[in-house]
Amino acid sequence: MSQSKIHQGRNIKRFREMLGIKQEALAFELGEEWNQKKISVLEQKQDIEVGILRQVSEILKIPVEAIENFDEESAINIISNIFHDNSAAISNYPTFHPVDKIIEIHEQKIALYERMLQEKDAMMQKLEQLIERNK
């Protein structure tokens, strides 16, 4: 198996999109010298400076290691191997109660939704401050 190089810019784009954050919003959070076009260029870079990685990870609220190490191809291969090469025995008798699992998933979704609402409120407050400064 060939060792593929992690594309950090693409990972930033994936995480940003999963969180529903637009390039303009990320640029705003990074500071005055950033804009949408600069974020687009950043997301095309394979390797990104550590300082910028740290700033982006703080804004997206994800670990720097996620951006540095996430490899979609490897993840797909692992999942594919688990379900298609008979290397994993799948039991018809779950070790958890299905209703408990459904409740757990819904609680995770609610927590994520609440976090997204808080982030939206914070972003709106920052935008209102920016509008007030520019009046």
N, C-alpha and C. Protein backbone atom coordinates (compact mmCIF):
# COMPACT_ATOMS: atom_id res chain seq x y z
N MET A 1 0.86 -1.17 0.00
CA MET A 1 0.00 0.00 0.00
C MET A 1 0.90 1.23 0.00
N SER A 2 0.62 2.20 -0.87
CA SER A 2 1.43 3.40 -0.95
C SER A 2 1.06 4.36 0.17
N GLN A 3 2.07 5.05 0.67
CA GLN A 3 1.86 6.03 1.73
C GLN A 3 1.51 7.36 1.09
N SER A 4 0.25 7.78 1.17
CA SER A 4 -0.16 9.04 0.54
C SER A 4 0.10 10.18 1.51
N LYS A 5 0.43 11.33 0.96
CA LYS A 5 0.71 12.53 1.75
C LYS A 5 -0.61 13.18 2.14
N ILE A 6 -0.72 13.56 3.39
CA ILE A 6 -1.92 14.23 3.89
C ILE A 6 -2.00 15.63 3.27
N HIS A 7 -3.17 16.00 2.78
CA HIS A 7 -3.40 17.32 2.20
C HIS A 7 -4.12 18.17 3.25
N GLN A 8 -3.35 18.97 3.99
CA GLN A 8 -3.90 19.72 5.11
C GLN A 8 -4.95 20.75 4.68
N GLY A 9 -4.71 21.41 3.56
CA GLY A 9 -5.69 22.39 3.07
C GLY A 9 -7.04 21.76 2.77
N ARG A 10 -7.00 20.60 2.12
CA ARG A 10 -8.24 19.89 1.81
C ARG A 10 -8.94 19.46 3.09
N ASN A 11 -8.15 19.08 4.11
CA ASN A 11 -8.74 18.70 5.39
C ASN A 11 -9.43 19.89 6.05
N ILE A 12 -8.79 21.07 5.98
CA ILE A 12 -9.42 22.27 6.53
C ILE A 12 -10.76 22.50 5.83
N LYS A 13 -10.76 22.37 4.51
CA LYS A 13 -11.99 22.58 3.74
C LYS A 13 -13.06 21.58 4.16
N ARG A 14 -12.68 20.31 4.31
CA ARG A 14 -13.66 19.27 4.69
C ARG A 14 -14.28 19.58 6.05
N PHE A 15 -13.41 19.86 7.04
CA PHE A 15 -13.92 20.14 8.39
C PHE A 15 -14.77 21.42 8.39
N ARG A 16 -14.31 22.45 7.69
CA ARG A 16 -15.05 23.71 7.62
C ARG A 16 -16.44 23.47 7.05
N GLU A 17 -16.50 22.71 5.95
CA GLU A 17 -17.79 22.43 5.31
C GLU A 17 -18.68 21.57 6.20
N MET A 18 -18.08 20.58 6.89
CA MET A 18 -18.87 19.73 7.78
C MET A 18 -19.51 20.55 8.90
N LEU A 19 -18.80 21.60 9.32
CA LEU A 19 -19.31 22.46 10.38
C LEU A 19 -20.22 23.57 9.86
N GLY A 20 -20.37 23.66 8.54
CA GLY A 20 -21.25 24.67 7.95
C GLY A 20 -20.69 26.08 8.03
N ILE A 21 -19.37 26.19 8.02
CA ILE A 21 -18.72 27.50 8.12
C ILE A 21 -18.26 27.92 6.73
N LYS A 22 -18.64 29.10 6.31
CA LYS A 22 -18.25 29.61 4.99
C LYS A 22 -16.82 30.16 5.05
N GLN A 23 -16.19 30.22 3.86
CA GLN A 23 -14.83 30.74 3.77
C GLN A 23 -14.76 32.17 4.32
N GLU A 24 -15.76 32.98 4.03
CA GLU A 24 -15.79 34.36 4.49
C GLU A 24 -15.78 34.43 6.01
N ALA A 25 -16.54 33.54 6.65
CA ALA A 25 -16.61 33.53 8.11
C ALA A 25 -15.28 33.11 8.71
N LEU A 26 -14.63 32.12 8.12
CA LEU A 26 -13.32 31.69 8.60
C LEU A 26 -12.31 32.83 8.44
N ALA A 27 -12.36 33.50 7.30
CA ALA A 27 -11.46 34.64 7.06
C ALA A 27 -11.68 35.72 8.11
N PHE A 28 -12.93 36.03 8.40
CA PHE A 28 -13.26 37.05 9.40
C PHE A 28 -12.66 36.69 10.75
N GLU A 29 -12.79 35.41 11.13
CA GLU A 29 -12.27 34.94 12.42
C GLU A 29 -10.75 34.99 12.47
N LEU A 30 -10.10 34.78 11.33
CA LEU A 30 -8.63 34.78 11.29
C LEU A 30 -8.05 36.20 11.38
N GLY A 31 -8.81 37.20 11.01
CA GLY A 31 -8.33 38.57 11.17
C GLY A 31 -8.42 39.40 9.91
N GLU A 32 -8.05 40.67 10.06
CA GLU A 32 -8.23 41.65 8.99
C GLU A 32 -7.46 41.33 7.72
N GLU A 33 -6.31 40.68 7.85
CA GLU A 33 -5.50 40.41 6.65
C GLU A 33 -6.02 39.22 5.84
N TRP A 34 -7.08 38.59 6.31
CA TRP A 34 -7.65 37.43 5.63
C TRP A 34 -8.92 37.83 4.88
N ASN A 35 -9.17 37.11 3.75
CA ASN A 35 -10.41 37.26 3.00
C ASN A 35 -10.76 35.91 2.38
N GLN A 36 -11.89 35.85 1.70
CA GLN A 36 -12.37 34.59 1.13
C GLN A 36 -11.36 34.01 0.16
N LYS A 37 -10.77 34.85 -0.67
CA LYS A 37 -9.82 34.37 -1.68
C LYS A 37 -8.59 33.75 -1.01
N LYS A 38 -8.12 34.37 0.06
CA LYS A 38 -6.95 33.85 0.77
C LYS A 38 -7.26 32.49 1.42
N ILE A 39 -8.50 32.31 1.91
CA ILE A 39 -8.92 31.02 2.47
C ILE A 39 -8.94 29.97 1.37
N SER A 40 -9.44 30.35 0.19
CA SER A 40 -9.48 29.43 -0.95
C SER A 40 -8.07 28.96 -1.30
N VAL A 41 -7.11 29.89 -1.33
CA VAL A 41 -5.72 29.53 -1.61
C VAL A 41 -5.17 28.62 -0.51
N LEU A 42 -5.48 28.94 0.75
CA LEU A 42 -5.04 28.13 1.88
C LEU A 42 -5.53 26.69 1.74
N GLU A 43 -6.79 26.53 1.34
CA GLU A 43 -7.38 25.20 1.23
C GLU A 43 -6.80 24.39 0.07
N GLN A 44 -6.03 25.03 -0.80
CA GLN A 44 -5.39 24.32 -1.90
C GLN A 44 -3.96 23.88 -1.55
N LYS A 45 -3.45 24.36 -0.42
CA LYS A 45 -2.08 24.05 -0.02
C LYS A 45 -2.02 22.68 0.66
N GLN A 46 -1.03 21.88 0.28
CA GLN A 46 -0.86 20.57 0.90
C GLN A 46 -0.34 20.71 2.33
N ASP A 47 0.65 21.55 2.52
CA ASP A 47 1.24 21.77 3.84
C ASP A 47 0.98 23.21 4.27
N ILE A 48 0.57 23.36 5.54
CA ILE A 48 0.22 24.68 6.07
C ILE A 48 1.06 24.95 7.31
N GLU A 49 1.47 26.21 7.45
CA GLU A 49 2.30 26.60 8.58
C GLU A 49 1.60 26.25 9.90
N VAL A 50 2.40 25.84 10.88
CA VAL A 50 1.86 25.38 12.16
C VAL A 50 1.03 26.46 12.84
N GLY A 51 1.49 27.71 12.79
CA GLY A 51 0.74 28.79 13.44
C GLY A 51 -0.66 28.95 12.86
N ILE A 52 -0.75 28.89 11.56
CA ILE A 52 -2.06 29.01 10.90
C ILE A 52 -2.92 27.79 11.23
N LEU A 53 -2.31 26.59 11.23
CA LEU A 53 -3.05 25.38 11.60
C LEU A 53 -3.66 25.53 12.99
N ARG A 54 -2.88 26.05 13.91
CA ARG A 54 -3.38 26.22 15.29
C ARG A 54 -4.55 27.20 15.33
N GLN A 55 -4.43 28.32 14.62
CA GLN A 55 -5.50 29.31 14.59
C GLN A 55 -6.78 28.69 14.02
N VAL A 56 -6.65 28.00 12.89
CA VAL A 56 -7.82 27.40 12.24
C VAL A 56 -8.45 26.34 13.15
N SER A 57 -7.60 25.53 13.79
CA SER A 57 -8.14 24.47 14.66
C SER A 57 -8.91 25.07 15.83
N GLU A 58 -8.43 26.20 16.36
CA GLU A 58 -9.14 26.86 17.46
C GLU A 58 -10.49 27.41 16.97
N ILE A 59 -10.49 27.99 15.79
CA ILE A 59 -11.73 28.56 15.25
C ILE A 59 -12.75 27.45 14.96
N LEU A 60 -12.27 26.35 14.35
CA LEU A 60 -13.17 25.24 14.02
C LEU A 60 -13.46 24.36 15.23
N LYS A 61 -12.70 24.57 16.32
CA LYS A 61 -12.85 23.78 17.55
C LYS A 61 -12.60 22.29 17.29
N ILE A 62 -11.52 22.03 16.54
CA ILE A 62 -11.08 20.65 16.30
C ILE A 62 -9.58 20.59 16.60
N PRO A 63 -9.07 19.42 16.96
CA PRO A 63 -7.63 19.32 17.26
C PRO A 63 -6.78 19.55 16.01
N VAL A 64 -5.61 20.17 16.20
CA VAL A 64 -4.67 20.36 15.09
C VAL A 64 -4.36 19.02 14.45
N GLU A 65 -4.25 17.98 15.29
CA GLU A 65 -3.91 16.64 14.78
C GLU A 65 -4.94 16.12 13.78
N ALA A 66 -6.18 16.55 13.93
CA ALA A 66 -7.21 16.12 12.97
C ALA A 66 -6.89 16.65 11.59
N ILE A 67 -6.47 17.92 11.53
CA ILE A 67 -6.13 18.53 10.24
C ILE A 67 -4.85 17.90 9.69
N GLU A 68 -3.90 17.64 10.58
CA GLU A 68 -2.59 17.11 10.15
C GLU A 68 -2.65 15.65 9.72
N ASN A 69 -3.58 14.88 10.28
CA ASN A 69 -3.53 13.42 10.09
C ASN A 69 -4.70 12.79 9.36
N PHE A 70 -5.81 13.52 9.17
CA PHE A 70 -6.97 12.89 8.55
C PHE A 70 -6.68 12.55 7.10
N ASP A 71 -6.88 11.29 6.77
CA ASP A 71 -6.65 10.80 5.41
C ASP A 71 -7.91 10.05 4.98
N GLU A 72 -8.71 10.71 4.16
CA GLU A 72 -10.00 10.14 3.75
C GLU A 72 -9.82 8.80 3.04
N GLU A 73 -8.79 8.70 2.20
CA GLU A 73 -8.57 7.45 1.46
C GLU A 73 -8.31 6.29 2.42
N SER A 74 -7.48 6.52 3.44
CA SER A 74 -7.19 5.47 4.42
C SER A 74 -8.45 5.09 5.20
N ALA A 75 -9.22 6.10 5.59
CA ALA A 75 -10.45 5.83 6.33
C ALA A 75 -11.41 4.98 5.49
N ILE A 76 -11.54 5.32 4.22
CA ILE A 76 -12.42 4.54 3.33
C ILE A 76 -11.90 3.12 3.17
N ASN A 77 -10.59 2.97 3.01
CA ASN A 77 -10.01 1.63 2.88
C ASN A 77 -10.24 0.79 4.12
N ILE A 78 -10.07 1.37 5.29
CA ILE A 78 -10.28 0.62 6.54
C ILE A 78 -11.73 0.17 6.63
N ILE A 79 -12.66 1.09 6.38
CA ILE A 79 -14.08 0.75 6.45
C ILE A 79 -14.42 -0.31 5.41
N SER A 80 -13.90 -0.15 4.21
CA SER A 80 -14.15 -1.11 3.14
C SER A 80 -13.64 -2.50 3.52
N ASN A 81 -12.44 -2.56 4.07
CA ASN A 81 -11.86 -3.84 4.47
C ASN A 81 -12.66 -4.51 5.58
N ILE A 82 -13.16 -3.72 6.51
CA ILE A 82 -13.92 -4.29 7.62
C ILE A 82 -15.18 -4.98 7.10
N PHE A 83 -15.84 -4.38 6.11
CA PHE A 83 -17.12 -4.92 5.68
C PHE A 83 -17.06 -5.80 4.45
N HIS A 84 -15.90 -5.85 3.74
CA HIS A 84 -15.91 -6.59 2.48
C HIS A 84 -14.90 -7.72 2.38
N ASP A 85 -13.96 -7.84 3.31
CA ASP A 85 -12.98 -8.92 3.13
C ASP A 85 -13.10 -10.01 4.20
N ASN A 86 -14.24 -10.05 4.89
CA ASN A 86 -14.51 -11.06 5.90
C ASN A 86 -13.50 -11.03 7.05
N SER A 87 -12.80 -9.91 7.24
CA SER A 87 -11.85 -9.82 8.34
C SER A 87 -12.55 -9.47 9.65
N ALA A 88 -13.78 -9.08 9.57
CA ALA A 88 -14.51 -8.74 10.79
C ALA A 88 -15.72 -9.64 10.91
N ALA A 89 -15.87 -10.24 12.07
CA ALA A 89 -17.04 -11.08 12.31
C ALA A 89 -18.17 -10.18 12.80
N ILE A 90 -19.29 -10.24 12.14
CA ILE A 90 -20.42 -9.40 12.51
C ILE A 90 -21.45 -10.28 13.21
N SER A 91 -21.76 -9.90 14.44
CA SER A 91 -22.68 -10.67 15.25
C SER A 91 -24.10 -10.16 15.04
N ASN A 92 -25.04 -11.08 15.02
CA ASN A 92 -26.44 -10.70 14.93
C ASN A 92 -27.02 -10.36 16.30
N TYR A 93 -26.20 -10.48 17.32
CA TYR A 93 -26.65 -10.22 18.68
C TYR A 93 -25.88 -9.02 19.23
N PRO A 94 -26.46 -7.84 19.14
CA PRO A 94 -25.73 -6.64 19.58
C PRO A 94 -25.42 -6.69 21.08
N THR A 95 -24.30 -6.08 21.45
CA THR A 95 -23.91 -6.03 22.86
C THR A 95 -24.46 -4.78 23.53
N PHE A 96 -25.30 -4.04 22.84
CA PHE A 96 -25.94 -2.86 23.38
C PHE A 96 -27.41 -2.93 23.03
N HIS A 97 -28.20 -2.18 23.75
CA HIS A 97 -29.63 -2.14 23.44
C HIS A 97 -29.83 -1.11 22.33
N PRO A 98 -30.48 -1.50 21.23
CA PRO A 98 -30.64 -0.58 20.10
C PRO A 98 -31.29 0.76 20.47
N VAL A 99 -32.25 0.76 21.37
CA VAL A 99 -32.90 2.01 21.76
C VAL A 99 -31.90 2.93 22.45
N ASP A 100 -31.02 2.34 23.29
CA ASP A 100 -29.99 3.15 23.96
C ASP A 100 -29.07 3.79 22.93
N LYS A 101 -28.73 3.06 21.88
CA LYS A 101 -27.85 3.59 20.84
C LYS A 101 -28.55 4.75 20.11
N ILE A 102 -29.83 4.60 19.81
CA ILE A 102 -30.59 5.65 19.13
C ILE A 102 -30.63 6.90 20.01
N ILE A 103 -30.88 6.73 21.30
CA ILE A 103 -30.91 7.86 22.22
C ILE A 103 -29.55 8.54 22.27
N GLU A 104 -28.48 7.76 22.33
CA GLU A 104 -27.12 8.31 22.36
C GLU A 104 -26.85 9.14 21.10
N ILE A 105 -27.22 8.63 19.95
CA ILE A 105 -27.00 9.35 18.69
C ILE A 105 -27.78 10.66 18.69
N HIS A 106 -29.03 10.62 19.14
CA HIS A 106 -29.84 11.84 19.18
C HIS A 106 -29.26 12.87 20.16
N GLU A 107 -28.75 12.39 21.30
CA GLU A 107 -28.13 13.31 22.26
C GLU A 107 -26.90 13.97 21.65
N GLN A 108 -26.12 13.20 20.88
CA GLN A 108 -24.94 13.77 20.21
C GLN A 108 -25.36 14.82 19.19
N LYS A 109 -26.43 14.53 18.45
CA LYS A 109 -26.91 15.49 17.45
C LYS A 109 -27.41 16.76 18.12
N ILE A 110 -28.11 16.63 19.24
CA ILE A 110 -28.61 17.80 19.97
C ILE A 110 -27.45 18.63 20.48
N ALA A 111 -26.42 17.98 21.03
CA ALA A 111 -25.25 18.70 21.54
C ALA A 111 -24.55 19.45 20.41
N LEU A 112 -24.41 18.81 19.25
CA LEU A 112 -23.79 19.46 18.10
C LEU A 112 -24.63 20.65 17.64
N TYR A 113 -25.94 20.46 17.59
CA TYR A 113 -26.84 21.55 17.17
C TYR A 113 -26.73 22.73 18.13
N GLU A 114 -26.70 22.44 19.44
CA GLU A 114 -26.58 23.51 20.43
C GLU A 114 -25.26 24.24 20.27
N ARG A 115 -24.18 23.51 20.00
CA ARG A 115 -22.87 24.14 19.79
C ARG A 115 -22.91 25.02 18.55
N MET A 116 -23.54 24.54 17.49
CA MET A 116 -23.64 25.32 16.27
C MET A 116 -24.45 26.60 16.50
N LEU A 117 -25.51 26.52 17.30
CA LEU A 117 -26.31 27.70 17.62
C LEU A 117 -25.48 28.72 18.41
N GLN A 118 -24.68 28.22 19.37
CA GLN A 118 -23.83 29.12 20.15
C GLN A 118 -22.81 29.80 19.24
N GLU A 119 -22.23 29.03 18.32
CA GLU A 119 -21.26 29.60 17.40
C GLU A 119 -21.92 30.63 16.48
N LYS A 120 -23.15 30.34 16.04
CA LYS A 120 -23.88 31.29 15.20
C LYS A 120 -24.13 32.58 15.97
N ASP A 121 -24.56 32.46 17.23
CA ASP A 121 -24.80 33.64 18.06
C ASP A 121 -23.53 34.45 18.24
N ALA A 122 -22.41 33.78 18.48
CA ALA A 122 -21.13 34.48 18.65
C ALA A 122 -20.74 35.18 17.35
N MET A 123 -20.95 34.51 16.23
CA MET A 123 -20.62 35.08 14.92
C MET A 123 -21.50 36.30 14.65
N MET A 124 -22.78 36.21 14.97
CA MET A 124 -23.68 37.34 14.77
C MET A 124 -23.25 38.53 15.62
N GLN A 125 -22.85 38.26 16.85
CA GLN A 125 -22.39 39.33 17.74
C GLN A 125 -21.14 40.00 17.17
N LYS A 126 -20.22 39.21 16.65
CA LYS A 126 -19.00 39.77 16.05
C LYS A 126 -19.34 40.58 14.80
N LEU A 127 -20.27 40.09 14.00
CA LEU A 127 -20.67 40.83 12.81
C LEU A 127 -21.34 42.16 13.19
N GLU A 128 -22.18 42.13 14.22
CA GLU A 128 -22.82 43.36 14.68
C GLU A 128 -21.77 44.36 15.17
N GLN A 129 -20.73 43.85 15.87
CA GLN A 129 -19.65 44.74 16.33
C GLN A 129 -18.91 45.33 15.15
N LEU A 130 -18.67 44.52 14.12
CA LEU A 130 -17.97 44.98 12.93
C LEU A 130 -18.79 46.06 12.23
N ILE A 131 -20.10 45.86 12.13
CA ILE A 131 -20.98 46.84 11.49
C ILE A 131 -20.95 48.14 12.28
N GLU A 132 -21.00 48.04 13.63
CA GLU A 132 -20.96 49.24 14.47
C GLU A 132 -19.66 49.99 14.28
N ARG A 133 -18.52 49.28 14.16
CA ARG A 133 -17.23 49.93 13.99
C ARG A 133 -17.14 50.65 12.65
N ASN A 134 -17.84 50.12 11.63
CA ASN A 134 -17.75 50.69 10.28
C ASN A 134 -18.78 51.79 10.03
N LYS A 135 -19.61 52.11 11.02
CA LYS A 135 -20.61 53.15 10.82
C LYS A 135 -20.00 54.51 10.85
